[in-house]
């Protein structure tokens, strides 16, 4: 990365100056504008991204595991819940990336951090799936 940083500013950000012929890191729409935030904030944003990815992997694994186990309940319901878990895992991974990028860009532009309604939808979907799992298990 051909970026030269100037000393830390009072607000904790670092200004960037791109060298001639230097390239912007990917994704450019996140990194090409604004000031580099304090590394602690960027690292915290990455940890949040990784937590979303772990959750997505757990949902994917749960869907696959549920599909391979033979339960006494209706097999159609079992398949629907398994596919729903896999779909939630895929959506969670997508939301993780979009959320990471939007937060990183907001920090670089000194804007308020974006909220996400995805947390509410994920919680509601998981509550519905948990109720369906109770039907399968009991």
C-alpha atoms as a PDB file:
ATOM      1  CA  UNK A   1       0.000   0.000   0.000  1.00  0.00           C
ATOM      2  CA  UNK A   2       1.525   3.282  -1.064  1.00  0.00           C
ATOM      3  CA  UNK A   3       0.134   5.457   1.707  1.00  0.00           C
ATOM      4  CA  UNK A   4       2.147   7.893   3.746  1.00  0.00           C
ATOM      5  CA  UNK A   5       0.695   8.905   7.101  1.00  0.00           C
ATOM      6  CA  UNK A   6       1.171  12.209   8.832  1.00  0.00           C
ATOM      7  CA  UNK A   7       1.404  12.372  12.632  1.00  0.00           C
ATOM      8  CA  UNK A   8      -1.654  11.646  14.729  1.00  0.00           C
ATOM      9  CA  UNK A   9      -4.147  14.457  14.917  1.00  0.00           C
ATOM     10  CA  UNK A  10      -5.726  15.644  18.133  1.00  0.00           C
ATOM     11  CA  UNK A  11      -8.974  13.768  17.373  1.00  0.00           C
ATOM     12  CA  UNK A  12      -7.080  10.457  17.044  1.00  0.00           C
ATOM     13  CA  UNK A  13      -7.315  10.142  13.263  1.00  0.00           C
ATOM     14  CA  UNK A  14      -4.429  10.014  10.836  1.00  0.00           C
ATOM     15  CA  UNK A  15      -4.550  11.848   7.543  1.00  0.00           C
ATOM     16  CA  UNK A  16      -3.463   9.944   4.479  1.00  0.00           C
ATOM     17  CA  UNK A  17      -1.636  11.110   1.405  1.00  0.00           C
ATOM     18  CA  UNK A  18      -1.542   8.697  -1.498  1.00  0.00           C
ATOM     19  CA  UNK A  19       1.754   8.512  -3.312  1.00  0.00           C
ATOM     20  CA  UNK A  20       1.711   9.117  -7.071  1.00  0.00           C
ATOM     21  CA  UNK A  21       1.000   5.814  -8.770  1.00  0.00           C
ATOM     22  CA  UNK A  22      -0.022   4.267  -5.437  1.00  0.00           C
ATOM     23  CA  UNK A  23      -3.035   2.014  -5.191  1.00  0.00           C
ATOM     24  CA  UNK A  24      -5.986   2.200  -2.848  1.00  0.00           C
ATOM     25  CA  UNK A  25      -6.690  -0.949  -0.801  1.00  0.00           C
ATOM     26  CA  UNK A  26      -9.788  -2.958  -1.654  1.00  0.00           C
ATOM     27  CA  UNK A  27     -12.658  -2.112  -1.367  1.00  0.00           C
ATOM     28  CA  UNK A  28     -11.794   1.288  -2.797  1.00  0.00           C
ATOM     29  CA  UNK A  29     -15.230   2.777  -2.022  1.00  0.00           C
ATOM     30  CA  UNK A  30     -14.379   2.353   1.662  1.00  0.00           C
ATOM     31  CA  UNK A  31     -10.728   3.369   1.647  1.00  0.00           C
ATOM     32  CA  UNK A  32     -10.476   6.070  -1.007  1.00  0.00           C
ATOM     33  CA  UNK A  33     -12.063   8.852   1.058  1.00  0.00           C
ATOM     34  CA  UNK A  34     -11.597  10.308   4.494  1.00  0.00           C
ATOM     35  CA  UNK A  35      -8.924   9.917   7.115  1.00  0.00           C
ATOM     36  CA  UNK A  36      -7.527   6.715   8.526  1.00  0.00           C
ATOM     37  CA  UNK A  37      -9.201   6.168  11.919  1.00  0.00           C
ATOM     38  CA  UNK A  38      -7.396   5.178  15.073  1.00  0.00           C
ATOM     39  CA  UNK A  39      -6.256   1.569  14.494  1.00  0.00           C
ATOM     40  CA  UNK A  40      -8.018   0.458  17.682  1.00  0.00           C
ATOM     41  CA  UNK A  41     -11.379   1.381  16.151  1.00  0.00           C
ATOM     42  CA  UNK A  42     -10.645  -0.374  12.874  1.00  0.00           C
ATOM     43  CA  UNK A  43      -9.530  -3.486  14.753  1.00  0.00           C
ATOM     44  CA  UNK A  44     -12.689  -3.407  16.886  1.00  0.00           C
ATOM     45  CA  UNK A  45     -14.722  -3.166  13.677  1.00  0.00           C
ATOM     46  CA  UNK A  46     -12.883  -6.216  12.321  1.00  0.00           C
ATOM     47  CA  UNK A  47     -13.563  -8.153  15.532  1.00  0.00           C
ATOM     48  CA  UNK A  48     -17.269  -7.361  15.189  1.00  0.00           C
ATOM     49  CA  UNK A  49     -17.132  -8.556  11.572  1.00  0.00           C
ATOM     50  CA  UNK A  50     -15.511 -11.803  12.707  1.00  0.00           C
ATOM     51  CA  UNK A  51     -18.188 -12.280  15.392  1.00  0.00           C
ATOM     52  CA  UNK A  52     -20.864 -12.011  12.693  1.00  0.00           C
ATOM     53  CA  UNK A  53     -18.920 -14.519  10.574  1.00  0.00           C
ATOM     54  CA  UNK A  54     -18.697 -16.950  13.524  1.00  0.00           C
ATOM     55  CA  UNK A  55     -22.438 -16.640  14.037  1.00  0.00           C
ATOM     56  CA  UNK A  56     -23.026 -17.283  10.333  1.00  0.00           C
ATOM     57  CA  UNK A  57     -20.806 -20.370  10.430  1.00  0.00           C
ATOM     58  CA  UNK A  58     -22.686 -21.665  13.466  1.00  0.00           C
ATOM     59  CA  UNK A  59     -26.009 -21.193  11.665  1.00  0.00           C
ATOM     60  CA  UNK A  60     -24.658 -22.985   8.584  1.00  0.00           C
ATOM     61  CA  UNK A  61     -23.324 -25.842  10.697  1.00  0.00           C
ATOM     62  CA  UNK A  62     -26.615 -26.088  12.587  1.00  0.00           C
ATOM     63  CA  UNK A  63     -28.568 -26.287   9.353  1.00  0.00           C
ATOM     64  CA  UNK A  64     -26.312 -29.005   7.958  1.00  0.00           C
ATOM     65  CA  UNK A  65     -26.395 -30.955  11.231  1.00  0.00           C
ATOM     66  CA  UNK A  66     -30.179 -30.737  11.458  1.00  0.00           C
ATOM     67  CA  UNK A  67     -30.494 -32.015   7.912  1.00  0.00           C
ATOM     68  CA  UNK A  68     -28.361 -35.089   8.658  1.00  0.00           C
ATOM     69  CA  UNK A  69     -30.074 -36.060  11.940  1.00  0.00           C
ATOM     70  CA  UNK A  70     -33.201 -38.213  11.820  1.00  0.00           C
ATOM     71  CA  UNK A  71     -35.767 -36.748  14.221  1.00  0.00           C
ATOM     72  CA  UNK A  72     -39.196 -38.141  15.099  1.00  0.00           C
ATOM     73  CA  UNK A  73     -41.026 -34.983  14.008  1.00  0.00           C
ATOM     74  CA  UNK A  74     -42.326 -34.122  10.561  1.00  0.00           C
ATOM     75  CA  UNK A  75     -39.529 -34.412   8.009  1.00  0.00           C
ATOM     76  CA  UNK A  76     -40.859 -31.453   6.011  1.00  0.00           C
ATOM     77  CA  UNK A  77     -40.591 -29.170   9.041  1.00  0.00           C
ATOM     78  CA  UNK A  78     -37.096 -30.484   9.719  1.00  0.00           C
ATOM     79  CA  UNK A  79     -36.027 -29.696   6.157  1.00  0.00           C
ATOM     80  CA  UNK A  80     -37.594 -26.231   6.269  1.00  0.00           C
ATOM     81  CA  UNK A  81     -35.803 -25.381   9.525  1.00  0.00           C
ATOM     82  CA  UNK A  82     -32.491 -26.762   8.200  1.00  0.00           C
ATOM     83  CA  UNK A  83     -32.712 -24.746   4.986  1.00  0.00           C
ATOM     84  CA  UNK A  84     -33.776 -21.665   6.941  1.00  0.00           C
ATOM     85  CA  UNK A  85     -30.698 -21.944   9.159  1.00  0.00           C
ATOM     86  CA  UNK A  86     -28.444 -22.224   6.122  1.00  0.00           C
ATOM     87  CA  UNK A  87     -30.116 -19.215   4.476  1.00  0.00           C
ATOM     88  CA  UNK A  88     -29.758 -17.186   7.687  1.00  0.00           C
ATOM     89  CA  UNK A  89     -26.082 -18.126   7.786  1.00  0.00           C
ATOM     90  CA  UNK A  90     -25.587 -16.926   4.224  1.00  0.00           C
ATOM     91  CA  UNK A  91     -27.465 -13.686   4.874  1.00  0.00           C
ATOM     92  CA  UNK A  92     -25.526 -13.143   8.094  1.00  0.00           C
ATOM     93  CA  UNK A  93     -22.224 -13.335   6.247  1.00  0.00           C
ATOM     94  CA  UNK A  94     -23.435 -10.785   3.705  1.00  0.00           C
ATOM     95  CA  UNK A  95     -24.713  -8.454   6.407  1.00  0.00           C
ATOM     96  CA  UNK A  96     -21.376  -8.803   8.216  1.00  0.00           C
ATOM     97  CA  UNK A  97     -19.442  -7.539   5.212  1.00  0.00           C
ATOM     98  CA  UNK A  98     -21.835  -4.678   4.445  1.00  0.00           C
ATOM     99  CA  UNK A  99     -21.889  -3.655   8.099  1.00  0.00           C
ATOM    100  CA  UNK A 100     -18.077  -3.746   8.350  1.00  0.00           C
ATOM    101  CA  UNK A 101     -17.686  -1.612   5.223  1.00  0.00           C
ATOM    102  CA  UNK A 102     -20.335   0.935   6.249  1.00  0.00           C
ATOM    103  CA  UNK A 103     -18.827   1.289   9.727  1.00  0.00           C
ATOM    104  CA  UNK A 104     -15.270   1.639   8.396  1.00  0.00           C
ATOM    105  CA  UNK A 105     -16.385   4.273   5.895  1.00  0.00           C
ATOM    106  CA  UNK A 106     -18.328   6.197   8.560  1.00  0.00           C
ATOM    107  CA  UNK A 107     -15.261   6.236  10.822  1.00  0.00           C
ATOM    108  CA  UNK A 108     -13.075   7.485   7.967  1.00  0.00           C
ATOM    109  CA  UNK A 109     -15.535  10.285   7.169  1.00  0.00           C
ATOM    110  CA  UNK A 110     -16.111  11.232  10.856  1.00  0.00           C
ATOM    111  CA  UNK A 111     -19.821  10.426  10.554  1.00  0.00           C
ATOM    112  CA  UNK A 112     -22.096   8.711  13.084  1.00  0.00           C
ATOM    113  CA  UNK A 113     -21.803   4.954  13.000  1.00  0.00           C
ATOM    114  CA  UNK A 114     -24.616   3.240  11.109  1.00  0.00           C
ATOM    115  CA  UNK A 115     -27.137   1.125  12.927  1.00  0.00           C
ATOM    116  CA  UNK A 116     -28.552  -2.061  11.556  1.00  0.00           C
ATOM    117  CA  UNK A 117     -32.054  -3.431  11.521  1.00  0.00           C
ATOM    118  CA  UNK A 118     -30.547  -6.794  10.554  1.00  0.00           C
ATOM    119  CA  UNK A 119     -30.036  -7.626  14.238  1.00  0.00           C
ATOM    120  CA  UNK A 120     -33.763  -7.369  14.888  1.00  0.00           C
ATOM    121  CA  UNK A 121     -34.637  -9.523  11.863  1.00  0.00           C
ATOM    122  CA  UNK A 122     -32.005 -12.105  12.805  1.00  0.00           C
ATOM    123  CA  UNK A 123     -33.350 -12.298  16.363  1.00  0.00           C
ATOM    124  CA  UNK A 124     -36.947 -12.663  15.146  1.00  0.00           C
ATOM    125  CA  UNK A 125     -36.007 -15.356  12.625  1.00  0.00           C
ATOM    126  CA  UNK A 126     -34.068 -17.276  15.259  1.00  0.00           C
ATOM    127  CA  UNK A 127     -37.005 -17.133  17.679  1.00  0.00           C
ATOM    128  CA  UNK A 128     -39.321 -18.550  15.011  1.00  0.00           C
ATOM    129  CA  UNK A 129     -36.810 -21.274  14.145  1.00  0.00           C
ATOM    130  CA  UNK A 130     -36.334 -22.108  17.835  1.00  0.00           C
ATOM    131  CA  UNK A 131     -40.102 -22.570  18.171  1.00  0.00           C
ATOM    132  CA  UNK A 132     -40.074 -24.886  15.140  1.00  0.00           C
ATOM    133  CA  UNK A 133     -37.197 -26.847  16.661  1.00  0.00           C
ATOM    134  CA  UNK A 134     -39.215 -27.285  19.851  1.00  0.00           C
ATOM    135  CA  UNK A 135     -41.984 -28.832  17.775  1.00  0.00           C
ATOM    136  CA  UNK A 136     -39.470 -31.194  16.191  1.00  0.00           C
ATOM    137  CA  UNK A 137     -37.826 -32.241  19.437  1.00  0.00           C
ATOM    138  CA  UNK A 138     -40.875 -32.475  21.712  1.00  0.00           C
END
